[in-house]
Amino acid sequence: MSTISAADVKALRDRTGMQMMKCKAALIEAQGDMEKAVELLRKQNKEAQDKAATRETAEGRIAVFIDPARKLGAIIEVRCESAPVAKNELFLQLANDLARQVALQNPATVEDLLRQPFVDNPKKTVNERVGDVVGLIRENMKPARFTRLAGQLGSYIHHDGSIGVLLQVEGANPDPQLLSDICMHITATSPRAARREDLPAELVEKEKEIARSQVMADPKNQKKPANILDKIIEGKLKAWAAENVLVEQPFVKDDSKTVGDVLKAAGLKLVKYVRYRVGEVGA
């Protein structure tokens, strides 16, 4: 049997990221053949991935990647089994790598993403990149959903990674800090829509009926003319929109202005935002 040197073990570790003992065992089994050892470790990681695949992934992390030069960005939710792993540096790096992959390679679906060659090492697939981390941590983990945007972008990730926002605006030279602040606002307030016209028509109609019922049930309004009642109802709708529509919400860092006012003053126009919360379907 070939002698396995410490240098060989280190070289395999550098290539695969696996633990030293696993690398040494793989080299021994492969009789010192580096390429065979790499394949053995990949097979082991795949087996660990398959074994863990049926276990529930209730925890996870949101990650964002933005390439300012190419004006591309992506936000992704990556799931795992436990809260400690959601904070693990290996898992954090995986989430960041997957966000970068989505931004640069534009997969159509999660399945498409997993089949793609990994941007940092095209010799392996994204699924194998995930498998590397599964092999190290021994927990099920997988990308759950993602969105890719192109244009002037900003982002914010909550300190624990549980919520993240990717924002797209139009305008010349937007201040990155301002965009981050608006993303932080979206993280905190969870608006239902960017603009009032983006709200589902049935939701607006429902709120209008609720406002009308409240107004008509108030004895003080019974003798008021119809045009006055309509104004009261509209006032109630405006107050509801100030809680639920992003551009009409008071800005968290200066509630004397709306988010729309802040954007307008900066010469910016809101295009779109994506807010993800771990485990919150359709967020």
Protein backbone atom coordinates (compact mmCIF):
# COMPACT_ATOMS: atom_id res chain seq x y z
CA MET A 1 0.00 0.00 0.00
CA SER A 2 1.26 3.49 -0.86
CA THR A 3 2.55 5.66 1.95
CA ILE A 4 0.15 8.50 2.70
CA SER A 5 2.06 11.69 3.47
CA ALA A 6 0.79 14.60 5.55
CA ALA A 7 1.22 16.78 2.47
CA ASP A 8 -1.14 14.55 0.49
CA VAL A 9 -3.73 14.66 3.25
CA LYS A 10 -3.48 18.46 3.40
CA ALA A 11 -3.76 18.73 -0.40
CA LEU A 12 -6.94 16.64 -0.35
CA ARG A 13 -8.34 18.69 2.50
CA ASP A 14 -7.63 21.90 0.57
CA ARG A 15 -9.44 20.50 -2.46
CA THR A 16 -12.48 19.12 -0.66
CA GLY A 17 -12.78 21.01 2.63
CA MET A 18 -13.33 17.71 4.45
CA GLN A 19 -11.83 16.80 7.84
CA MET A 20 -8.22 15.60 7.95
CA MET A 21 -9.15 12.15 9.25
CA LYS A 22 -11.68 11.64 6.46
CA CYS A 23 -9.14 12.75 3.89
CA LYS A 24 -6.52 10.37 5.25
CA ALA A 25 -9.01 7.46 5.28
CA ALA A 26 -10.04 8.22 1.69
CA LEU A 27 -6.42 8.33 0.53
CA ILE A 28 -5.69 5.03 2.26
CA GLU A 29 -8.73 3.41 0.62
CA ALA A 30 -7.70 4.87 -2.75
CA GLN A 31 -4.13 3.66 -2.23
CA GLY A 32 -2.79 7.19 -2.51
CA ASP A 33 -4.62 8.06 -5.75
CA MET A 34 -5.73 11.67 -5.24
CA GLU A 35 -8.50 11.65 -7.87
CA LYS A 36 -9.96 8.40 -6.57
CA ALA A 37 -9.88 9.83 -3.05
CA VAL A 38 -11.80 12.91 -4.23
CA GLU A 39 -14.43 10.65 -5.81
CA LEU A 40 -14.67 8.55 -2.65
CA LEU A 41 -15.34 11.64 -0.55
CA ARG A 42 -17.95 12.86 -3.04
CA LYS A 43 -19.65 9.45 -2.87
CA GLN A 44 -19.64 9.56 0.93
CA ASN A 45 -21.12 13.08 0.90
CA LYS A 46 -23.82 11.98 -1.55
CA GLU A 47 -24.71 9.04 0.67
CA ALA A 48 -24.94 11.34 3.70
CA GLN A 49 -27.06 13.77 1.66
CA ASP A 50 -29.44 11.01 0.52
CA LYS A 51 -29.75 9.65 4.06
CA ALA A 52 -30.60 13.10 5.46
CA ALA A 53 -32.91 14.13 2.61
CA THR A 54 -36.15 13.02 4.26
CA ARG A 55 -35.52 14.88 7.52
CA GLU A 56 -37.46 18.09 8.11
CA THR A 57 -35.68 21.41 7.51
CA ALA A 58 -37.48 23.86 9.78
CA GLU A 59 -34.54 26.22 10.33
CA GLY A 60 -32.37 28.12 7.89
CA ARG A 61 -31.01 31.41 6.70
CA ILE A 62 -31.62 34.15 4.15
CA ALA A 63 -28.64 35.22 2.06
CA VAL A 64 -28.18 38.00 -0.52
CA PHE A 65 -25.56 38.61 -3.17
CA ILE A 66 -25.24 41.80 -5.26
CA ASP A 67 -22.79 42.48 -8.07
CA PRO A 68 -22.86 46.30 -8.39
CA ALA A 69 -20.74 46.32 -11.56
CA ARG A 70 -23.09 44.01 -13.44
CA LYS A 71 -26.17 45.30 -11.59
CA LEU A 72 -27.27 41.80 -10.69
CA GLY A 73 -28.44 40.39 -7.40
CA ALA A 74 -30.25 37.51 -5.76
CA ILE A 75 -31.90 36.60 -2.48
CA ILE A 76 -32.23 32.99 -1.38
CA GLU A 77 -33.66 30.99 1.51
CA VAL A 78 -31.55 27.97 2.46
CA ARG A 79 -32.98 25.49 4.95
CA CYS A 80 -31.37 23.21 7.53
CA GLU A 81 -32.58 21.12 10.46
CA SER A 82 -31.42 22.98 13.58
CA ALA A 83 -30.88 26.51 14.84
CA PRO A 84 -27.18 25.96 15.73
CA VAL A 85 -26.42 24.86 12.16
CA ALA A 86 -28.21 27.96 10.82
CA LYS A 87 -25.46 29.95 12.59
CA ASN A 88 -22.60 27.66 11.55
CA GLU A 89 -19.90 29.35 9.43
CA LEU A 90 -19.93 26.51 6.89
CA PHE A 91 -23.68 26.86 6.43
CA LEU A 92 -23.42 30.67 6.20
CA GLN A 93 -20.80 30.37 3.48
CA LEU A 94 -22.96 27.85 1.62
CA ALA A 95 -25.95 30.22 1.70
CA ASN A 96 -23.80 33.08 0.41
CA ASP A 97 -22.36 30.86 -2.32
CA LEU A 98 -25.84 29.84 -3.45
CA ALA A 99 -27.02 33.47 -3.57
CA ARG A 100 -24.02 34.30 -5.77
CA GLN A 101 -24.74 31.28 -7.98
CA VAL A 102 -28.33 32.42 -8.55
CA ALA A 103 -27.27 35.99 -9.36
CA LEU A 104 -24.55 34.99 -11.82
CA GLN A 105 -26.08 31.88 -13.42
CA ASN A 106 -29.82 32.69 -13.37
CA PRO A 107 -31.34 29.23 -12.73
CA ALA A 108 -35.04 28.85 -13.49
CA THR A 109 -35.93 26.60 -10.54
CA VAL A 110 -34.39 25.09 -7.42
CA GLU A 111 -33.91 21.84 -9.34
CA ASP A 112 -32.15 23.73 -12.13
CA LEU A 113 -29.93 25.46 -9.56
CA LEU A 114 -28.82 22.16 -8.04
CA ARG A 115 -27.92 20.74 -11.47
CA GLN A 116 -25.77 23.71 -12.51
CA PRO A 117 -21.95 23.61 -12.44
CA PHE A 118 -20.83 25.45 -9.31
CA VAL A 119 -19.41 28.85 -10.29
CA ASP A 120 -16.35 28.59 -8.03
CA ASN A 121 -15.54 25.04 -9.15
CA PRO A 122 -17.28 23.96 -12.39
CA LYS A 123 -15.96 20.41 -11.94
CA LYS A 124 -18.69 19.87 -9.34
CA THR A 125 -22.39 20.66 -9.39
CA VAL A 126 -24.18 22.95 -6.95
CA ASN A 127 -25.79 19.84 -5.45
CA GLU A 128 -22.32 18.45 -4.79
CA ARG A 129 -21.35 21.76 -3.16
CA VAL A 130 -24.36 21.34 -0.85
CA GLY A 131 -23.35 17.71 -0.30
CA ASP A 132 -19.88 18.81 0.85
CA VAL A 133 -21.45 20.71 3.74
CA VAL A 134 -23.95 17.95 4.50
CA GLY A 135 -21.01 15.54 4.69
CA LEU A 136 -19.27 17.78 7.22
CA ILE A 137 -22.26 18.73 9.38
CA ARG A 138 -24.51 15.67 8.89
CA GLU A 139 -27.74 17.62 8.61
CA ASN A 140 -30.22 17.89 5.78
CA MET A 141 -29.94 21.25 4.01
CA LYS A 142 -31.30 22.59 0.76
CA PRO A 143 -32.22 25.79 -1.09
CA ALA A 144 -35.93 26.44 -0.65
CA ARG A 145 -36.63 29.46 -2.93
CA PHE A 146 -34.87 32.38 -4.56
CA THR A 147 -35.43 35.53 -6.58
CA ARG A 148 -33.00 37.20 -8.97
CA LEU A 149 -33.21 40.92 -9.85
CA ALA A 150 -31.31 43.13 -12.27
CA GLY A 151 -30.85 46.89 -11.88
CA GLN A 152 -29.97 49.30 -9.08
CA LEU A 153 -30.12 47.12 -6.00
CA GLY A 154 -29.88 47.34 -2.24
CA SER A 155 -30.25 44.77 0.52
CA TYR A 156 -30.48 44.12 4.23
CA ILE A 157 -30.20 40.92 6.28
CA HIS A 158 -31.43 40.79 9.88
CA HIS A 159 -28.61 40.03 12.31
CA ASP A 160 -29.75 36.42 12.84
CA GLY A 161 -30.28 35.78 9.12
CA SER A 162 -33.96 34.93 9.61
CA ILE A 163 -35.25 37.81 7.42
CA GLY A 164 -33.78 39.48 4.36
CA VAL A 165 -34.78 42.01 1.73
CA LEU A 166 -33.59 42.70 -1.81
CA LEU A 167 -34.70 46.05 -3.24
CA GLN A 168 -34.69 47.37 -6.81
CA VAL A 169 -34.95 51.08 -7.66
CA GLU A 170 -34.52 53.34 -10.66
CA GLY A 171 -32.42 56.49 -10.53
CA ALA A 172 -28.89 57.79 -10.86
CA ASN A 173 -26.25 56.80 -8.28
CA PRO A 174 -28.47 55.68 -5.41
CA ASP A 175 -26.90 55.90 -1.96
CA PRO A 176 -26.20 52.30 -0.81
CA GLN A 177 -26.84 53.28 2.82
CA LEU A 178 -30.25 54.74 1.94
CA LEU A 179 -31.20 51.56 0.08
CA SER A 180 -30.05 49.49 3.05
CA ASP A 181 -32.13 51.67 5.39
CA ILE A 182 -35.23 51.18 3.24
CA CYS A 183 -34.60 47.44 3.18
CA MET A 184 -34.30 47.52 6.97
CA HIS A 185 -37.63 49.38 7.06
CA ILE A 186 -39.22 46.62 4.93
CA THR A 187 -37.73 43.98 7.23
CA ALA A 188 -39.30 45.67 10.27
CA THR A 189 -42.72 46.62 8.88
CA SER A 190 -43.49 43.76 6.45
CA PRO A 191 -45.64 45.78 4.02
CA ARG A 192 -48.27 43.90 2.01
CA ALA A 193 -47.33 45.67 -1.24
CA ALA A 194 -44.97 48.27 -2.68
CA ARG A 195 -47.74 50.55 -3.99
CA ARG A 196 -51.47 50.71 -3.46
CA GLU A 197 -52.09 49.60 -7.04
CA ASP A 198 -50.07 46.46 -6.34
CA LEU A 199 -52.57 45.29 -3.72
CA PRO A 200 -55.05 42.59 -4.78
CA ALA A 201 -58.32 44.26 -5.83
CA GLU A 202 -60.35 41.95 -3.60
CA LEU A 203 -58.29 42.96 -0.56
CA VAL A 204 -58.81 46.67 -1.22
CA GLU A 205 -62.54 46.09 -1.72
CA LYS A 206 -62.72 44.14 1.52
CA GLU A 207 -60.98 46.94 3.46
CA LYS A 208 -63.29 49.48 1.84
CA GLU A 209 -66.33 47.49 3.00
CA ILE A 210 -64.91 47.24 6.51
CA ALA A 211 -64.33 51.01 6.58
CA ARG A 212 -67.84 51.67 5.22
CA SER A 213 -69.42 49.41 7.86
CA GLN A 214 -67.49 51.17 10.63
CA VAL A 215 -68.51 54.61 9.37
CA MET A 216 -72.18 53.70 8.93
CA ALA A 217 -72.32 52.04 12.36
CA ASP A 218 -71.22 55.26 14.09
CA PRO A 219 -74.34 57.22 15.23
CA LYS A 220 -72.43 60.51 14.71
CA ASN A 221 -72.37 59.85 10.96
CA GLN A 222 -76.04 59.07 10.38
CA LYS A 223 -77.03 62.59 9.29
CA LYS A 224 -73.89 63.42 7.34
CA PRO A 225 -74.16 63.80 3.53
CA ALA A 226 -72.84 61.06 1.24
CA ASN A 227 -69.83 63.07 0.03
CA ILE A 228 -68.66 63.60 3.62
CA LEU A 229 -69.10 59.91 4.41
CA ASP A 230 -67.03 59.04 1.33
CA LYS A 231 -64.22 61.30 2.58
CA ILE A 232 -64.29 59.62 6.00
CA ILE A 233 -64.12 56.21 4.36
CA GLU A 234 -61.23 57.35 2.17
CA GLY A 235 -59.46 58.64 5.28
CA LYS A 236 -59.77 55.22 6.89
CA LEU A 237 -58.40 53.58 3.75
CA LYS A 238 -55.49 56.01 3.74
CA ALA A 239 -54.70 55.13 7.35
CA TRP A 240 -54.85 51.42 6.49
CA ALA A 241 -52.55 51.98 3.50
CA ALA A 242 -50.07 53.83 5.74
CA GLU A 243 -49.71 50.57 7.67
CA ASN A 244 -49.65 48.18 4.72
CA VAL A 245 -48.30 49.91 1.58
CA LEU A 246 -44.56 50.54 1.50
CA VAL A 247 -44.44 53.93 -0.23
CA GLU A 248 -47.19 55.24 2.09
CA GLN A 249 -45.65 53.99 5.34
CA PRO A 250 -43.92 56.49 7.65
CA PHE A 251 -40.18 55.89 7.26
CA VAL A 252 -38.79 54.16 10.37
CA LYS A 253 -35.77 56.49 10.56
CA ASP A 254 -37.86 59.68 10.12
CA ASP A 255 -41.59 59.20 10.59
CA SER A 256 -42.31 62.76 9.45
CA LYS A 257 -41.77 61.43 5.91
CA THR A 258 -43.16 58.44 4.03
CA VAL A 259 -40.90 55.95 2.30
CA GLY A 260 -42.22 57.37 -0.97
CA ASP A 261 -41.15 60.87 0.10
CA VAL A 262 -37.65 59.64 0.99
CA LEU A 263 -37.23 57.92 -2.37
CA LYS A 264 -38.53 60.92 -4.30
CA ALA A 265 -36.19 63.30 -2.45
CA ALA A 266 -33.28 61.06 -3.48
CA GLY A 267 -34.40 61.06 -7.12
CA LEU A 268 -35.33 57.39 -6.95
CA LYS A 269 -38.32 55.34 -8.02
CA LEU A 270 -39.27 52.06 -6.40
CA VAL A 271 -39.37 49.15 -8.85
CA LYS A 272 -39.67 46.05 -6.69
CA TYR A 273 -38.71 44.48 -3.41
CA VAL A 274 -38.50 40.87 -2.21
CA ARG A 275 -38.81 40.08 1.49
CA TYR A 276 -38.03 36.56 2.69
CA ARG A 277 -38.49 35.18 6.18
CA VAL A 278 -37.25 31.67 6.94
CA GLY A 279 -40.16 29.23 6.85
CA GLU A 280 -42.70 31.83 5.76
CA VAL A 281 -44.16 30.50 2.52
CA GLY A 282 -44.97 33.22 0.00
CA ALA A 283 -43.29 35.96 2.05
